[in-house]
Protein backbone atom coordinates (compact mmCIF):
# COMPACT_ATOMS: atom_id res chain seq x y z
CA MET A 1 0.00 0.00 0.00
CA PRO A 2 1.62 3.26 -1.04
CA THR A 3 2.38 5.67 1.76
CA ALA A 4 1.27 9.27 1.52
CA ALA A 5 4.02 11.75 0.93
CA LYS A 6 4.47 14.15 3.77
CA ALA A 7 4.49 17.85 3.02
CA GLN A 8 7.95 19.35 3.32
CA THR A 9 8.27 22.49 5.37
CA SER A 10 11.21 24.80 5.37
CA SER A 11 13.28 24.89 8.51
CA LEU A 12 14.38 28.44 7.79
CA PRO A 13 12.85 30.88 10.25
CA GLU A 14 10.87 33.81 8.87
CA PHE A 15 12.44 37.08 9.91
CA THR A 16 10.06 39.97 10.44
CA GLY A 17 11.29 43.45 9.87
CA PRO A 18 10.19 46.58 11.67
CA ASP A 19 7.19 48.57 10.55
CA VAL A 20 8.89 51.18 8.38
CA GLN A 21 5.61 52.84 7.43
CA LYS A 22 5.68 55.16 10.44
CA ARG A 23 9.35 55.93 9.81
CA ALA A 24 8.59 56.56 6.12
CA ASN A 25 6.19 59.34 7.07
CA ALA A 26 8.91 60.76 9.30
CA VAL A 27 11.43 60.64 6.45
CA LEU A 28 9.03 62.54 4.19
CA ALA A 29 8.67 65.05 7.01
CA LEU A 30 12.47 65.41 6.94
CA LEU A 31 12.27 65.75 3.17
CA SER A 32 9.93 68.68 3.70
CA PHE A 33 12.85 70.63 5.20
CA THR A 34 14.70 70.38 1.88
CA VAL A 35 11.73 71.23 -0.36
CA THR A 36 11.04 74.50 1.48
CA PRO A 37 13.38 77.40 0.64
CA ASP A 38 14.71 78.21 4.10
CA LEU A 39 18.01 79.85 5.03
CA SER A 40 17.69 78.77 8.68
CA ALA A 41 17.78 75.06 7.81
CA SER A 42 19.90 75.31 4.65
CA THR A 43 22.83 73.65 6.43
CA LEU A 44 21.82 71.56 9.42
CA GLY A 45 23.58 68.62 11.02
CA ILE A 46 22.57 66.58 14.07
CA ARG A 47 24.68 63.75 15.44
CA ASN A 48 24.52 61.94 18.77
CA GLY A 49 26.41 58.70 18.43
CA SER A 50 26.84 58.27 22.18
CA THR A 51 23.16 57.57 22.68
CA GLY A 52 22.57 55.57 19.52
CA ASP A 53 20.29 58.23 18.09
CA PRO A 54 20.27 58.39 14.29
CA SER A 55 22.43 61.06 12.72
CA LEU A 56 21.04 63.61 10.30
CA SER A 57 22.67 66.07 7.92
CA MET A 58 20.90 68.45 5.52
CA THR A 59 22.12 70.86 2.85
CA GLN A 60 20.19 73.17 0.53
CA PHE A 61 21.14 75.52 -2.30
CA GLY A 62 18.65 77.92 -3.80
CA GLY A 63 17.70 81.43 -4.79
CA GLY A 64 15.06 83.61 -6.38
CA PHE A 65 14.76 86.79 -8.41
CA THR A 66 12.30 89.13 -10.09
CA LEU A 67 12.91 89.56 -13.82
CA SER A 68 12.42 93.34 -13.91
CA PRO A 69 10.24 96.13 -12.45
CA SER A 70 8.34 96.38 -15.74
CA PHE A 71 7.72 92.61 -15.89
CA PRO A 72 7.74 91.47 -12.24
CA LEU A 73 7.68 87.72 -12.80
CA TYR A 74 9.32 86.03 -9.83
CA LEU A 75 11.22 82.75 -10.25
CA GLU A 76 12.84 80.64 -7.56
CA GLY A 77 14.47 77.27 -7.28
CA ALA A 78 16.17 75.13 -4.68
CA ILE A 79 17.83 71.75 -4.56
CA GLY A 80 18.57 70.00 -1.31
CA GLY A 81 19.62 66.73 0.18
CA SER A 82 19.73 65.02 3.54
CA ARG A 83 21.24 61.91 5.03
CA TYR A 84 19.40 60.01 7.75
CA ASP A 85 20.91 56.95 9.43
CA PRO A 86 18.30 55.08 11.48
CA THR A 87 18.89 51.59 12.90
CA PHE A 88 16.13 48.97 12.67
CA VAL A 89 15.71 45.64 14.46
CA ALA A 90 14.66 42.40 12.73
CA THR A 91 13.53 39.33 14.68
CA ASP A 92 12.29 35.76 14.15
CA GLY A 93 10.87 35.60 17.67
CA GLN A 94 14.07 34.22 19.11
CA GLN A 95 16.90 36.18 17.54
CA GLU A 96 17.13 39.94 17.12
CA ARG A 97 19.59 41.70 14.88
CA ALA A 98 20.21 45.39 14.29
CA LEU A 99 20.03 46.62 10.71
CA PRO A 100 22.02 49.84 10.25
CA THR A 101 20.70 51.74 7.23
CA ARG A 102 21.45 54.81 5.20
CA TRP A 103 18.52 56.81 3.88
CA THR A 104 19.47 59.52 1.42
CA ASN A 105 16.92 62.20 0.49
CA VAL A 106 17.21 64.40 -2.57
CA ALA A 107 14.63 67.03 -3.52
CA ALA A 108 14.21 69.89 -5.96
CA THR A 109 11.67 72.69 -5.69
CA GLY A 110 10.63 75.37 -8.15
CA GLY A 111 8.43 78.40 -7.77
CA ILE A 112 6.67 80.86 -10.06
CA GLY A 113 5.18 84.07 -8.70
CA TRP A 114 4.27 87.65 -9.48
CA ASP A 115 5.11 90.87 -7.63
CA PHE A 116 2.19 93.17 -6.87
CA PRO A 117 3.48 96.58 -5.66
CA LEU A 118 1.88 98.04 -2.54
CA ASN A 119 3.31 101.58 -2.75
CA GLU A 120 4.34 104.16 -5.33
CA LYS A 121 8.06 103.42 -4.96
CA ARG A 122 7.34 99.77 -5.80
CA ASP A 123 9.80 98.68 -3.12
CA LEU A 124 7.03 97.07 -1.05
CA VAL A 125 5.43 94.09 -2.78
CA ILE A 126 3.17 91.15 -2.06
CA ARG A 127 4.20 88.00 -3.91
CA PRO A 128 2.01 84.90 -4.30
CA ILE A 129 4.07 81.90 -5.46
CA PHE A 130 3.07 78.52 -6.89
CA ASN A 131 5.50 75.82 -5.72
CA PHE A 132 6.15 72.32 -7.05
CA SER A 133 8.60 69.72 -5.76
CA LEU A 134 10.01 66.34 -6.65
CA GLY A 135 11.98 64.19 -4.24
CA GLU A 136 13.30 60.70 -3.64
CA VAL A 137 14.32 58.71 -0.59
CA ILE A 138 16.83 55.91 -1.25
CA SER A 139 17.40 53.20 1.35
CA ASP A 140 20.70 51.34 1.26
CA ALA A 141 21.71 48.70 3.78
CA THR A 142 24.14 45.82 3.61
CA ALA A 143 22.13 42.84 4.82
CA ALA A 144 23.60 40.96 7.73
CA GLN A 145 24.74 37.39 7.02
CA PHE A 146 21.80 35.95 8.92
CA LEU A 147 19.39 37.42 6.35
CA ILE A 148 20.92 35.62 3.38
CA ASN A 149 18.66 32.82 2.06
CA ARG A 150 16.04 33.58 4.67
CA LYS A 151 12.46 34.53 4.05
CA THR A 152 11.93 38.18 4.94
CA ASP A 153 9.00 40.52 4.71
CA SER A 154 8.56 43.57 2.47
CA ASN A 155 9.81 45.92 5.17
CA ILE A 156 13.28 44.35 5.13
CA SER A 157 13.20 44.32 1.33
CA PHE A 158 12.67 48.07 1.41
CA ILE A 159 15.40 48.63 3.99
CA GLN A 160 17.89 46.66 1.91
CA ASN A 161 17.27 48.36 -1.42
CA GLY A 162 14.13 50.48 -1.51
CA ARG A 163 12.99 53.79 -2.94
CA LEU A 164 10.35 56.24 -1.84
CA ASN A 165 9.43 58.80 -4.50
CA ALA A 166 7.41 61.89 -3.65
CA TYR A 167 5.98 64.92 -5.38
CA GLY A 168 4.77 68.12 -3.80
CA LEU A 169 2.33 70.84 -4.79
CA GLY A 170 1.53 73.98 -2.88
CA GLY A 171 2.31 77.62 -2.62
CA SER A 172 3.79 80.50 -0.70
CA LEU A 173 2.78 84.03 0.13
CA MET A 174 5.57 86.55 0.61
CA ILE A 175 5.68 90.21 1.55
CA GLY A 176 8.94 91.88 0.55
CA TRP A 177 10.34 95.30 1.36
CA TYR A 178 13.47 96.40 -0.54
CA PRO A 179 14.30 100.04 0.20
CA ARG A 180 17.42 101.35 -1.56
CA GLN A 181 19.44 104.42 -0.58
CA GLU A 182 22.85 104.02 -2.16
CA PRO A 183 25.25 102.84 -1.05
CA TYR A 184 23.07 101.10 1.55
CA GLU A 185 20.72 98.20 0.85
CA PHE A 186 18.14 96.55 3.07
CA ASP A 187 15.95 93.51 2.34
CA LEU A 188 13.09 92.29 4.49
CA GLU A 189 10.91 89.30 3.59
CA LEU A 190 8.03 87.64 5.41
CA ARG A 191 7.00 84.27 4.00
CA TYR A 192 4.40 81.58 4.59
CA THR A 193 4.86 78.26 2.76
CA ASP A 194 2.55 75.25 2.51
CA ILE A 195 3.57 72.29 0.28
CA TYR A 196 1.85 68.89 0.48
CA LEU A 197 4.09 65.89 -0.23
CA GLN A 198 2.70 62.58 -1.49
CA SER A 199 4.60 59.40 -2.32
CA PHE A 200 4.22 57.68 -5.69
CA GLY A 201 5.72 54.72 -7.55
CA SER A 202 7.53 53.58 -4.42
CA SER A 203 8.66 50.18 -3.21
CA SER A 204 5.88 47.90 -2.02
CA GLY A 205 4.79 48.17 1.58
CA VAL A 206 5.90 51.77 2.05
CA ARG A 207 3.82 54.87 1.47
CA GLY A 208 4.16 58.32 2.95
CA THR A 209 2.68 61.80 3.17
CA ALA A 210 3.86 65.02 4.76
CA ASN A 211 2.89 68.66 4.93
CA ALA A 212 5.74 71.19 4.61
CA GLN A 213 4.26 74.20 6.37
CA SER A 214 6.36 77.01 7.80
CA THR A 215 6.70 80.74 8.32
CA ASN A 216 9.94 82.64 7.87
CA ILE A 217 11.30 86.14 8.36
CA TYR A 218 14.50 87.13 6.60
CA ALA A 219 16.42 90.42 6.84
CA ARG A 220 19.70 91.53 5.28
CA TRP A 221 21.66 94.79 5.62
CA ARG A 222 24.55 95.71 3.32
CA ALA A 223 26.77 98.79 3.68
CA PRO A 224 30.29 99.94 2.62
CA THR A 225 33.28 99.15 4.81
CA GLY A 226 35.36 102.01 3.37
CA LEU A 227 37.76 99.48 1.83
CA LEU A 228 38.29 98.39 -1.77
CA ALA A 229 38.38 94.88 -3.23
CA LEU A 230 38.91 94.21 -6.95
CA ASN A 231 38.88 98.00 -7.46
CA ARG A 232 35.33 98.23 -6.14
CA PRO A 233 33.87 99.13 -2.71
CA LEU A 234 33.89 96.25 -0.25
CA ARG A 235 30.66 95.93 1.75
CA TYR A 236 29.82 94.16 4.98
CA VAL A 237 26.69 92.04 5.31
CA LEU A 238 24.45 91.35 8.31
CA GLU A 239 21.73 88.68 8.14
CA LEU A 240 18.87 87.43 10.27
CA SER A 241 16.59 84.49 9.52
CA HIS A 242 13.96 82.94 11.77
CA SER A 243 11.65 80.02 10.89
CA ASP A 244 8.67 78.45 12.63
CA TYR A 245 7.76 74.92 11.53
CA LEU A 246 4.04 74.28 11.72
CA GLY A 247 3.28 71.14 9.69
CA SER A 248 4.84 67.69 9.69
CA GLN A 249 8.20 69.28 10.50
CA ALA A 250 7.05 70.52 13.90
CA ASP A 251 9.00 68.87 16.73
CA ILE A 252 10.23 65.99 14.52
CA LEU A 253 13.80 67.07 15.30
CA GLY A 254 13.01 68.18 18.84
CA PHE A 255 12.35 71.81 17.97
CA ASN A 256 9.87 73.83 15.93
CA GLN A 257 11.78 77.11 15.73
CA LEU A 258 15.20 77.86 14.28
CA THR A 259 17.09 81.17 14.12
CA SER A 260 20.17 82.03 12.10
CA LEU A 261 22.46 85.06 12.51
CA GLY A 262 25.04 85.88 9.86
CA VAL A 263 27.90 88.29 9.24
CA GLY A 264 30.11 88.51 6.19
CA ILE A 265 31.45 90.51 3.27
CA GLU A 266 30.21 91.28 -0.23
CA ILE A 267 32.63 91.78 -3.13
CA ASP A 268 31.63 93.65 -6.27
CA THR A 269 33.03 91.55 -9.13
CA GLY A 270 31.88 93.77 -12.00
CA ALA A 271 35.43 94.88 -12.78
CA VAL A 272 36.73 91.34 -13.37
CA THR A 273 33.81 89.24 -14.65
CA LYS A 274 30.39 89.57 -16.25
CA LEU A 275 29.18 86.14 -15.13
CA PHE A 276 27.92 87.54 -11.82
CA SER A 277 27.90 90.98 -10.22
CA ARG A 278 28.54 90.24 -6.54
CA LEU A 279 30.07 87.54 -4.38
CA ARG A 280 28.99 87.15 -0.73
CA ILE A 281 30.74 85.12 1.93
CA VAL A 282 28.73 84.86 5.15
CA ALA A 283 29.40 82.99 8.39
CA ARG A 284 26.21 81.94 10.16
CA TYR A 285 25.33 80.74 13.63
CA ALA A 286 22.05 78.84 14.02
CA PHE A 287 20.26 77.99 17.23
CA GLY A 288 16.98 76.56 18.43
CA LYS A 289 15.67 74.43 21.28
CA ASP A 290 18.56 72.17 22.35
CA VAL A 291 20.37 72.67 19.03
CA THR A 292 23.15 74.99 17.87
CA GLY A 293 25.40 75.04 14.84
CA ALA A 294 27.61 77.10 12.55
CA SER A 295 28.15 77.26 8.79
CA LEU A 296 29.89 79.22 6.07
CA GLY A 297 27.80 80.28 3.08
CA LEU A 298 28.71 81.40 -0.42
CA ALA A 299 26.24 83.33 -2.58
CA LEU A 300 26.26 85.00 -6.00
CA SER A 301 24.16 87.89 -7.30
CA PHE A 302 23.48 88.16 -11.02
């Protein structure tokens, strides 16, 4: 009498990864820092290796300009990136292993607006801006040896080699005041930004949304030093930037306000090149709740 074949079961344990969905929303919230033009957070780094907290570094480059007083179309653009290094834990119920990861965020934002003058001098304007963004989060982890040839869930698949794409649509409202009394220049801008980020075409098992919502005040004073550089007057620069984070960014890094103070010099390059008119070098000190930092910025005026 033939014997029934017994079903074969794999002896390999099934490892279950962490729920990255909640962390994916947090990463998109971090991405919202880079999609919002913001001098305060343009260069931000947080690292606390002694406690095992994940490290974070962010950088942003951007600028904006109005074409001309007679055709006041405003254009702006920014590109930014961040690096976030969380550590996850995978388990089969008996064993637990840490999975160090590297999540790299890259985002680009554009804006189109129009200046509506509020006074006869046309140095006080209100500027509505339409913003659009595109970003990507790339996860890269070298799987530990115990994961090889084991059955893992979609979370670990994403951690090992996953992508989270996101697009953003929204807008900003800015009030700008630009009085000029040569050789002195003063800029003052008040801005409210709201950009909604939504993931698309991402790795299975991971979706995310975030709302980049913030207010910002920016002020800059430029005046002659009495010295010459490149046969042109050398000017000193004073800057102030303060941001309040109201949306998904609020408290995600332990603070919801960030202030930056800057001092530097501005060189008139008109005598040596036509590619740009001015070169600014500014040292900045940023501070907020339980966070401080310093950076050196380089800017060009065209």
